[in-house]
Amino acid sequence: MTTLVHIRVPVETKAKASKIFSKLGLDLSTGIKIYLAKVVEDKGIPFSMKTREGILRGFKIAHDQIEKGDYVSHKELKAQIAKKARSFK
């Protein structure tokens, strides 16, 4: 069963999104359906929503941690992620 959803978006946004979806071999409707399915799958917005200030604050924190040597190597990070992933099984 399906339902009809009406939304209003700026003309330019619709045109740009349609062009991007077209390059991916999708129409606008399919692109929106994929987005909504991802929202349901993730139980939230499927991307980070931060203000520019929030992003800059994150960069500052990361920079300060690097300056203090408070970080792990890529190899160690991969090992931590793998360990965490195994704990979910």
PDB file of N, CA and C in Angstrom:
ATOM      1  N   MET A   1       0.842  -1.171   0.000  1.00  0.00           N
ATOM      2  CA  MET A   1       0.000   0.000   0.000  1.00  0.00           C
ATOM      3  C   MET A   1       0.892   1.242   0.000  1.00  0.00           C
ATOM      4  N   THR A   2       0.501   2.248  -0.705  1.00  0.00           N
ATOM      5  CA  THR A   2       1.260   3.498  -0.752  1.00  0.00           C
ATOM      6  C   THR A   2       0.354   4.655  -0.371  1.00  0.00           C
ATOM      7  N   THR A   3       0.970   5.791  -0.096  1.00  0.00           N
ATOM      8  CA  THR A   3       0.236   7.008   0.209  1.00  0.00           C
ATOM      9  C   THR A   3       0.883   8.154  -0.552  1.00  0.00           C
ATOM     10  N   LEU A   4       0.134   9.207  -0.751  1.00  0.00           N
ATOM     11  CA  LEU A   4       0.621  10.363  -1.494  1.00  0.00           C
ATOM     12  C   LEU A   4       1.114  11.418  -0.512  1.00  0.00           C
ATOM     13  N   VAL A   5       2.289  11.971  -0.767  1.00  0.00           N
ATOM     14  CA  VAL A   5       2.866  13.017   0.071  1.00  0.00           C
ATOM     15  C   VAL A   5       3.077  14.250  -0.797  1.00  0.00           C
ATOM     16  N   HIS A   6       2.539  15.371  -0.358  1.00  0.00           N
ATOM     17  CA  HIS A   6       2.750  16.642  -1.066  1.00  0.00           C
ATOM     18  C   HIS A   6       3.725  17.481  -0.247  1.00  0.00           C
ATOM     19  N   ILE A   7       4.762  17.997  -0.881  1.00  0.00           N
ATOM     20  CA  ILE A   7       5.698  18.881  -0.183  1.00  0.00           C
ATOM     21  C   ILE A   7       5.983  20.098  -1.057  1.00  0.00           C
ATOM     22  N   ARG A   8       6.306  21.185  -0.414  1.00  0.00           N
ATOM     23  CA  ARG A   8       6.699  22.390  -1.143  1.00  0.00           C
ATOM     24  C   ARG A   8       8.190  22.602  -0.912  1.00  0.00           C
ATOM     25  N   VAL A   9       8.902  22.765  -2.010  1.00  0.00           N
ATOM     26  CA  VAL A   9      10.338  23.038  -1.941  1.00  0.00           C
ATOM     27  C   VAL A   9      10.649  24.159  -2.918  1.00  0.00           C
ATOM     28  N   PRO A  10      11.717  24.893  -2.676  1.00  0.00           N
ATOM     29  CA  PRO A  10      12.097  25.928  -3.630  1.00  0.00           C
ATOM     30  C   PRO A  10      12.347  25.317  -5.020  1.00  0.00           C
ATOM     31  N   VAL A  11      11.962  26.043  -6.051  1.00  0.00           N
ATOM     32  CA  VAL A  11      12.108  25.582  -7.434  1.00  0.00           C
ATOM     33  C   VAL A  11      13.552  25.176  -7.717  1.00  0.00           C
ATOM     34  N   GLU A  12      14.495  25.992  -7.279  1.00  0.00           N
ATOM     35  CA  GLU A  12      15.911  25.721  -7.545  1.00  0.00           C
ATOM     36  C   GLU A  12      16.371  24.429  -6.857  1.00  0.00           C
ATOM     37  N   THR A  13      15.897  24.205  -5.635  1.00  0.00           N
ATOM     38  CA  THR A  13      16.254  22.977  -4.910  1.00  0.00           C
ATOM     39  C   THR A  13      15.741  21.755  -5.654  1.00  0.00           C
ATOM     40  N   LYS A  14      14.494  21.817  -6.100  1.00  0.00           N
ATOM     41  CA  LYS A  14      13.912  20.694  -6.844  1.00  0.00           C
ATOM     42  C   LYS A  14      14.700  20.431  -8.124  1.00  0.00           C
ATOM     43  N   ALA A  15      15.033  21.484  -8.840  1.00  0.00           N
ATOM     44  CA  ALA A  15      15.764  21.331 -10.104  1.00  0.00           C
ATOM     45  C   ALA A  15      17.146  20.719  -9.874  1.00  0.00           C
ATOM     46  N   LYS A  16      17.864  21.221  -8.864  1.00  0.00           N
ATOM     47  CA  LYS A  16      19.208  20.703  -8.588  1.00  0.00           C
ATOM     48  C   LYS A  16      19.155  19.249  -8.119  1.00  0.00           C
ATOM     49  N   ALA A  17      18.196  18.940  -7.242  1.00  0.00           N
ATOM     50  CA  ALA A  17      18.061  17.561  -6.759  1.00  0.00           C
ATOM     51  C   ALA A  17      17.690  16.633  -7.908  1.00  0.00           C
ATOM     52  N   SER A  18      16.769  17.065  -8.761  1.00  0.00           N
ATOM     53  CA  SER A  18      16.359  16.246  -9.914  1.00  0.00           C
ATOM     54  C   SER A  18      17.544  15.955 -10.818  1.00  0.00           C
ATOM     55  N   LYS A  19      18.394  16.956 -11.027  1.00  0.00           N
ATOM     56  CA  LYS A  19      19.568  16.783 -11.880  1.00  0.00           C
ATOM     57  C   LYS A  19      20.537  15.758 -11.276  1.00  0.00           C
ATOM     58  N   ILE A  20      20.755  15.849  -9.977  1.00  0.00           N
ATOM     59  CA  ILE A  20      21.650  14.905  -9.296  1.00  0.00           C
ATOM     60  C   ILE A  20      21.076  13.497  -9.359  1.00  0.00           C
ATOM     61  N   PHE A  21      19.786  13.359  -9.041  1.00  0.00           N
ATOM     62  CA  PHE A  21      19.159  12.036  -9.100  1.00  0.00           C
ATOM     63  C   PHE A  21      19.212  11.473 -10.511  1.00  0.00           C
ATOM     64  N   SER A  22      19.018  12.317 -11.496  1.00  0.00           N
ATOM     65  CA  SER A  22      19.057  11.875 -12.896  1.00  0.00           C
ATOM     66  C   SER A  22      20.429  11.300 -13.241  1.00  0.00           C
ATOM     67  N   LYS A  23      21.489  11.959 -12.767  1.00  0.00           N
ATOM     68  CA  LYS A  23      22.845  11.454 -13.007  1.00  0.00           C
ATOM     69  C   LYS A  23      23.052  10.086 -12.358  1.00  0.00           C
ATOM     70  N   LEU A  24      22.259   9.798 -11.322  1.00  0.00           N
ATOM     71  CA  LEU A  24      22.337   8.512 -10.633  1.00  0.00           C
ATOM     72  C   LEU A  24      21.363   7.492 -11.223  1.00  0.00           C
ATOM     73  N   GLY A  25      20.644   7.917 -12.270  1.00  0.00           N
ATOM     74  CA  GLY A  25      19.678   7.028 -12.909  1.00  0.00           C
ATOM     75  C   GLY A  25      18.354   6.941 -12.169  1.00  0.00           C
ATOM     76  N   LEU A  26      18.066   7.946 -11.356  1.00  0.00           N
ATOM     77  CA  LEU A  26      16.842   7.963 -10.554  1.00  0.00           C
ATOM     78  C   LEU A  26      15.981   9.158 -10.919  1.00  0.00           C
ATOM     79  N   ASP A  27      14.676   9.028 -10.685  1.00  0.00           N
ATOM     80  CA  ASP A  27      13.826  10.207 -10.788  1.00  0.00           C
ATOM     81  C   ASP A  27      13.686  10.808  -9.382  1.00  0.00           C
ATOM     82  N   LEU A  28      13.099  11.990  -9.301  1.00  0.00           N
ATOM     83  CA  LEU A  28      12.990  12.695  -8.020  1.00  0.00           C
ATOM     84  C   LEU A  28      12.198  11.872  -7.005  1.00  0.00           C
ATOM     85  N   SER A  29      11.109  11.276  -7.438  1.00  0.00           N
ATOM     86  CA  SER A  29      10.267  10.484  -6.544  1.00  0.00           C
ATOM     87  C   SER A  29      11.049   9.325  -5.926  1.00  0.00           C
ATOM     88  N   THR A  30      11.817   8.627  -6.734  1.00  0.00           N
ATOM     89  CA  THR A  30      12.610   7.499  -6.232  1.00  0.00           C
ATOM     90  C   THR A  30      13.685   7.988  -5.264  1.00  0.00           C
ATOM     91  N   GLY A  31      14.316   9.110  -5.579  1.00  0.00           N
ATOM     92  CA  GLY A  31      15.326   9.675  -4.685  1.00  0.00           C
ATOM     93  C   GLY A  31      14.743  10.014  -3.322  1.00  0.00           C
ATOM     94  N   ILE A  32      13.553  10.593  -3.320  1.00  0.00           N
ATOM     95  CA  ILE A  32      12.898  10.935  -2.053  1.00  0.00           C
ATOM     96  C   ILE A  32      12.506   9.666  -1.298  1.00  0.00           C
ATOM     97  N   LYS A  33      12.026   8.647  -2.016  1.00  0.00           N
ATOM     98  CA  LYS A  33      11.674   7.371  -1.368  1.00  0.00           C
ATOM     99  C   LYS A  33      12.905   6.745  -0.712  1.00  0.00           C
ATOM    100  N   ILE A  34      14.041   6.811  -1.394  1.00  0.00           N
ATOM    101  CA  ILE A  34      15.284   6.270  -0.832  1.00  0.00           C
ATOM    102  C   ILE A  34      15.649   7.025   0.447  1.00  0.00           C
ATOM    103  N   TYR A  35      15.529   8.351   0.410  1.00  0.00           N
ATOM    104  CA  TYR A  35      15.825   9.165   1.592  1.00  0.00           C
ATOM    105  C   TYR A  35      14.918   8.762   2.757  1.00  0.00           C
ATOM    106  N   LEU A  36      13.611   8.653   2.504  1.00  0.00           N
ATOM    107  CA  LEU A  36      12.672   8.303   3.572  1.00  0.00           C
ATOM    108  C   LEU A  36      12.944   6.904   4.124  1.00  0.00           C
ATOM    109  N   ALA A  37      13.295   5.967   3.243  1.00  0.00           N
ATOM    110  CA  ALA A  37      13.629   4.612   3.698  1.00  0.00           C
ATOM    111  C   ALA A  37      14.856   4.645   4.607  1.00  0.00           C
ATOM    112  N   LYS A  38      15.828   5.490   4.265  1.00  0.00           N
ATOM    113  CA  LYS A  38      17.047   5.611   5.077  1.00  0.00           C
ATOM    114  C   LYS A  38      16.731   6.244   6.436  1.00  0.00           C
ATOM    115  N   VAL A  39      15.818   7.213   6.475  1.00  0.00           N
ATOM    116  CA  VAL A  39      15.392   7.814   7.740  1.00  0.00           C
ATOM    117  C   VAL A  39      14.804   6.732   8.644  1.00  0.00           C
ATOM    118  N   VAL A  40      13.951   5.881   8.070  1.00  0.00           N
ATOM    119  CA  VAL A  40      13.335   4.797   8.841  1.00  0.00           C
ATOM    120  C   VAL A  40      14.405   3.813   9.314  1.00  0.00           C
ATOM    121  N   GLU A  41      15.306   3.426   8.412  1.00  0.00           N
ATOM    122  CA  GLU A  41      16.367   2.470   8.758  1.00  0.00           C
ATOM    123  C   GLU A  41      17.248   2.999   9.883  1.00  0.00           C
ATOM    124  N   ASP A  42      17.628   4.275   9.789  1.00  0.00           N
ATOM    125  CA  ASP A  42      18.525   4.885  10.781  1.00  0.00           C
ATOM    126  C   ASP A  42      17.789   5.378  12.023  1.00  0.00           C
ATOM    127  N   LYS A  43      16.460   5.394  11.951  1.00  0.00           N
ATOM    128  CA  LYS A  43      15.629   5.944  13.025  1.00  0.00           C
ATOM    129  C   LYS A  43      16.014   7.398  13.316  1.00  0.00           C
ATOM    130  N   GLY A  44      16.313   8.135  12.263  1.00  0.00           N
ATOM    131  CA  GLY A  44      16.687   9.537  12.378  1.00  0.00           C
ATOM    132  C   GLY A  44      17.183  10.060  11.048  1.00  0.00           C
ATOM    133  N   ILE A  45      17.582  11.313  11.037  1.00  0.00           N
ATOM    134  CA  ILE A  45      18.122  11.932   9.831  1.00  0.00           C
ATOM    135  C   ILE A  45      19.437  11.225   9.493  1.00  0.00           C
ATOM    136  N   PRO A  46      19.617  10.783   8.242  1.00  0.00           N
ATOM    137  CA  PRO A  46      20.799   9.979   7.902  1.00  0.00           C
ATOM    138  C   PRO A  46      22.078  10.778   7.636  1.00  0.00           C
ATOM    139  N   PHE A  47      22.176  11.940   8.199  1.00  0.00           N
ATOM    140  CA  PHE A  47      23.396  12.735   8.072  1.00  0.00           C
ATOM    141  C   PHE A  47      23.467  13.678   9.257  1.00  0.00           C
ATOM    142  N   SER A  48      24.652  14.167   9.529  1.00  0.00           N
ATOM    143  CA  SER A  48      24.864  15.067  10.647  1.00  0.00           C
ATOM    144  C   SER A  48      24.273  16.435  10.346  1.00  0.00           C
ATOM    145  N   MET A  49      23.558  16.966  11.304  1.00  0.00           N
ATOM    146  CA  MET A  49      22.992  18.307  11.143  1.00  0.00           C
ATOM    147  C   MET A  49      23.682  19.227  12.137  1.00  0.00           C
ATOM    148  N   LYS A  50      24.639  19.976  11.653  1.00  0.00           N
ATOM    149  CA  LYS A  50      25.391  20.878  12.509  1.00  0.00           C
ATOM    150  C   LYS A  50      25.459  22.251  11.864  1.00  0.00           C
ATOM    151  N   THR A  51      25.513  23.240  12.710  1.00  0.00           N
ATOM    152  CA  THR A  51      25.733  24.583  12.211  1.00  0.00           C
ATOM    153  C   THR A  51      27.206  24.727  11.851  1.00  0.00           C
ATOM    154  N   ARG A  52      27.524  25.734  11.106  1.00  0.00           N
ATOM    155  CA  ARG A  52      28.920  25.988  10.748  1.00  0.00           C
ATOM    156  C   ARG A  52      29.761  26.137  12.013  1.00  0.00           C
ATOM    157  N   GLU A  53      29.182  26.802  13.014  1.00  0.00           N
ATOM    158  CA  GLU A  53      29.905  27.005  14.266  1.00  0.00           C
ATOM    159  C   GLU A  53      30.179  25.664  14.951  1.00  0.00           C
ATOM    160  N   GLY A  54      29.208  24.748  14.882  1.00  0.00           N
ATOM    161  CA  GLY A  54      29.390  23.428  15.477  1.00  0.00           C
ATOM    162  C   GLY A  54      30.504  22.657  14.807  1.00  0.00           C
ATOM    163  N   ILE A  55      30.572  22.751  13.501  1.00  0.00           N
ATOM    164  CA  ILE A  55      31.626  22.070  12.750  1.00  0.00           C
ATOM    165  C   ILE A  55      32.983  22.670  13.101  1.00  0.00           C
ATOM    166  N   LEU A  56      33.052  23.993  13.145  1.00  0.00           N
ATOM    167  CA  LEU A  56      34.317  24.655  13.484  1.00  0.00           C
ATOM    168  C   LEU A  56      34.751  24.301  14.904  1.00  0.00           C
ATOM    169  N   ARG A  57      33.792  24.195  15.825  1.00  0.00           N
ATOM    170  CA  ARG A  57      34.113  23.810  17.195  1.00  0.00           C
ATOM    171  C   ARG A  57      34.703  22.398  17.205  1.00  0.00           C
ATOM    172  N   GLY A  58      34.125  21.501  16.395  1.00  0.00           N
ATOM    173  CA  GLY A  58      34.648  20.136  16.290  1.00  0.00           C
ATOM    174  C   GLY A  58      36.069  20.114  15.759  1.00  0.00           C
ATOM    175  N   PHE A  59      36.337  20.941  14.739  1.00  0.00           N
ATOM    176  CA  PHE A  59      37.697  21.042  14.197  1.00  0.00           C
ATOM    177  C   PHE A  59      38.664  21.539  15.268  1.00  0.00           C
ATOM    178  N   LYS A  60      38.236  22.512  16.060  1.00  0.00           N
ATOM    179  CA  LYS A  60      39.090  23.075  17.115  1.00  0.00           C
ATOM    180  C   LYS A  60      39.415  22.007  18.154  1.00  0.00           C
ATOM    181  N   ILE A  61      38.397  21.239  18.549  1.00  0.00           N
ATOM    182  CA  ILE A  61      38.617  20.167  19.530  1.00  0.00           C
ATOM    183  C   ILE A  61      39.598  19.143  18.973  1.00  0.00           C
ATOM    184  N   ALA A  62      39.389  18.731  17.714  1.00  0.00           N
ATOM    185  CA  ALA A  62      40.282  17.749  17.080  1.00  0.00           C
ATOM    186  C   ALA A  62      41.705  18.291  16.998  1.00  0.00           C
ATOM    187  N   HIS A  63      41.844  19.553  16.604  1.00  0.00           N
ATOM    188  CA  HIS A  63      43.166  20.182  16.504  1.00  0.00           C
ATOM    189  C   HIS A  63      43.862  20.182  17.859  1.00  0.00           C
ATOM    190  N   ASP A  64      43.122  20.568  18.904  1.00  0.00           N
ATOM    191  CA  ASP A  64      43.702  20.607  20.246  1.00  0.00           C
ATOM    192  C   ASP A  64      44.137  19.215  20.703  1.00  0.00           C
ATOM    193  N   GLN A  65      43.330  18.188  20.378  1.00  0.00           N
ATOM    194  CA  GLN A  65      43.693  16.819  20.761  1.00  0.00           C
ATOM    195  C   GLN A  65      44.964  16.375  20.039  1.00  0.00           C
ATOM    196  N   ILE A  66      45.082  16.712  18.777  1.00  0.00           N
ATOM    197  CA  ILE A  66      46.286  16.364  18.014  1.00  0.00           C
ATOM    198  C   ILE A  66      47.504  17.063  18.605  1.00  0.00           C
ATOM    199  N   GLU A  67      47.352  18.343  18.925  1.00  0.00           N
ATOM    200  CA  GLU A  67      48.459  19.106  19.509  1.00  0.00           C
ATOM    201  C   GLU A  67      48.936  18.480  20.820  1.00  0.00           C
ATOM    202  N   LYS A  68      48.003  17.921  21.612  1.00  0.00           N
ATOM    203  CA  LYS A  68      48.337  17.300  22.896  1.00  0.00           C
ATOM    204  C   LYS A  68      48.789  15.853  22.737  1.00  0.00           C
ATOM    205  N   GLY A  69      48.684  15.320  21.532  1.00  0.00           N
ATOM    206  CA  GLY A  69      49.034  13.919  21.315  1.00  0.00           C
ATOM    207  C   GLY A  69      47.935  12.968  21.765  1.00  0.00           C
ATOM    208  N   ASP A  70      46.736  13.495  21.950  1.00  0.00           N
ATOM    209  CA  ASP A  70      45.596  12.716  22.443  1.00  0.00           C
ATOM    210  C   ASP A  70      44.807  12.137  21.263  1.00  0.00           C
ATOM    211  N   TYR A  71      45.390  11.132  20.614  1.00  0.00           N
ATOM    212  CA  TYR A  71      44.738  10.492  19.476  1.00  0.00           C
ATOM    213  C   TYR A  71      45.332   9.106  19.294  1.00  0.00           C
ATOM    214  N   VAL A  72      44.692   8.295  18.438  1.00  0.00           N
ATOM    215  CA  VAL A  72      45.204   6.951  18.152  1.00  0.00           C
ATOM    216  C   VAL A  72      45.540   6.859  16.670  1.00  0.00           C
ATOM    217  N   SER A  73      46.383   5.899  16.337  1.00  0.00           N
ATOM    218  CA  SER A  73      46.761   5.697  14.936  1.00  0.00           C
ATOM    219  C   SER A  73      45.584   5.106  14.162  1.00  0.00           C
ATOM    220  N   HIS A  74      45.672   5.181  12.845  1.00  0.00           N
ATOM    221  CA  HIS A  74      44.639   4.606  11.986  1.00  0.00           C
ATOM    222  C   HIS A  74      44.503   3.113  12.252  1.00  0.00           C
ATOM    223  N   LYS A  75      45.635   2.435  12.406  1.00  0.00           N
ATOM    224  CA  LYS A  75      45.638   0.989  12.665  1.00  0.00           C
ATOM    225  C   LYS A  75      44.917   0.679  13.981  1.00  0.00           C
ATOM    226  N   GLU A  76      45.219   1.460  15.010  1.00  0.00           N
ATOM    227  CA  GLU A  76      44.585   1.252  16.311  1.00  0.00           C
ATOM    228  C   GLU A  76      43.086   1.562  16.250  1.00  0.00           C
ATOM    229  N   LEU A  77      42.722   2.598  15.514  1.00  0.00           N
ATOM    230  CA  LEU A  77      41.311   2.950  15.356  1.00  0.00           C
ATOM    231  C   LEU A  77      40.544   1.815  14.686  1.00  0.00           C
ATOM    232  N   LYS A  78      41.126   1.243  13.616  1.00  0.00           N
ATOM    233  CA  LYS A  78      40.481   0.118  12.927  1.00  0.00           C
ATOM    234  C   LYS A  78      40.292  -1.061  13.875  1.00  0.00           C
ATOM    235  N   ALA A  79      41.279  -1.318  14.722  1.00  0.00           N
ATOM    236  CA  ALA A  79      41.185  -2.415  15.686  1.00  0.00           C
ATOM    237  C   ALA A  79      40.069  -2.152  16.700  1.00  0.00           C
ATOM    238  N   GLN A  80      39.959  -0.908  17.159  1.00  0.00           N
ATOM    239  CA  GLN A  80      38.903  -0.550  18.107  1.00  0.00           C
ATOM    240  C   GLN A  80      37.524  -0.717  17.475  1.00  0.00           C
ATOM    241  N   ILE A  81      37.388  -0.298  16.220  1.00  0.00           N
ATOM    242  CA  ILE A  81      36.109  -0.425  15.512  1.00  0.00           C
ATOM    243  C   ILE A  81      35.750  -1.895  15.325  1.00  0.00           C
ATOM    244  N   ALA A  82      36.728  -2.704  14.931  1.00  0.00           N
ATOM    245  CA  ALA A  82      36.483  -4.137  14.735  1.00  0.00           C
ATOM    246  C   ALA A  82      36.051  -4.793  16.045  1.00  0.00           C
ATOM    247  N   LYS A  83      36.706  -4.424  17.141  1.00  0.00           N
ATOM    248  CA  LYS A  83      36.357  -4.981  18.451  1.00  0.00           C
ATOM    249  C   LYS A  83      34.927  -4.599  18.823  1.00  0.00           C
ATOM    250  N   LYS A  84      34.581  -3.345  18.600  1.00  0.00           N
ATOM    251  CA  LYS A  84      33.231  -2.863  18.906  1.00  0.00           C
ATOM    252  C   LYS A  84      32.201  -3.583  18.046  1.00  0.00           C
ATOM    253  N   ALA A  85      32.509  -3.776  16.763  1.00  0.00           N
ATOM    254  CA  ALA A  85      31.590  -4.460  15.849  1.00  0.00           C
ATOM    255  C   ALA A  85      31.354  -5.901  16.298  1.00  0.00           C
ATOM    256  N   ARG A  86      32.412  -6.562  16.758  1.00  0.00           N
ATOM    257  CA  ARG A  86      32.270  -7.945  17.237  1.00  0.00           C
ATOM    258  C   ARG A  86      31.369  -8.014  18.467  1.00  0.00           C
ATOM    259  N   SER A  87      31.369  -6.969  19.284  1.00  0.00           N
ATOM    260  CA  SER A  87      30.557  -6.976  20.507  1.00  0.00           C
ATOM    261  C   SER A  87      29.064  -6.879  20.206  1.00  0.00           C
ATOM    262  N   PHE A  88      28.694  -6.448  18.991  1.00  0.00           N
ATOM    263  CA  PHE A  88      27.290  -6.330  18.617  1.00  0.00           C
ATOM    264  C   PHE A  88      26.709  -7.653  18.134  1.00  0.00           C
ATOM    265  N   LYS A  89      27.560  -8.642  17.866  1.00  0.00           N
ATOM    266  CA  LYS A  89      27.077  -9.924  17.328  1.00  0.00           C
ATOM    267  C   LYS A  89      26.510 -10.803  18.407  1.00  0.00           C
TER     268      LYS A  89
END
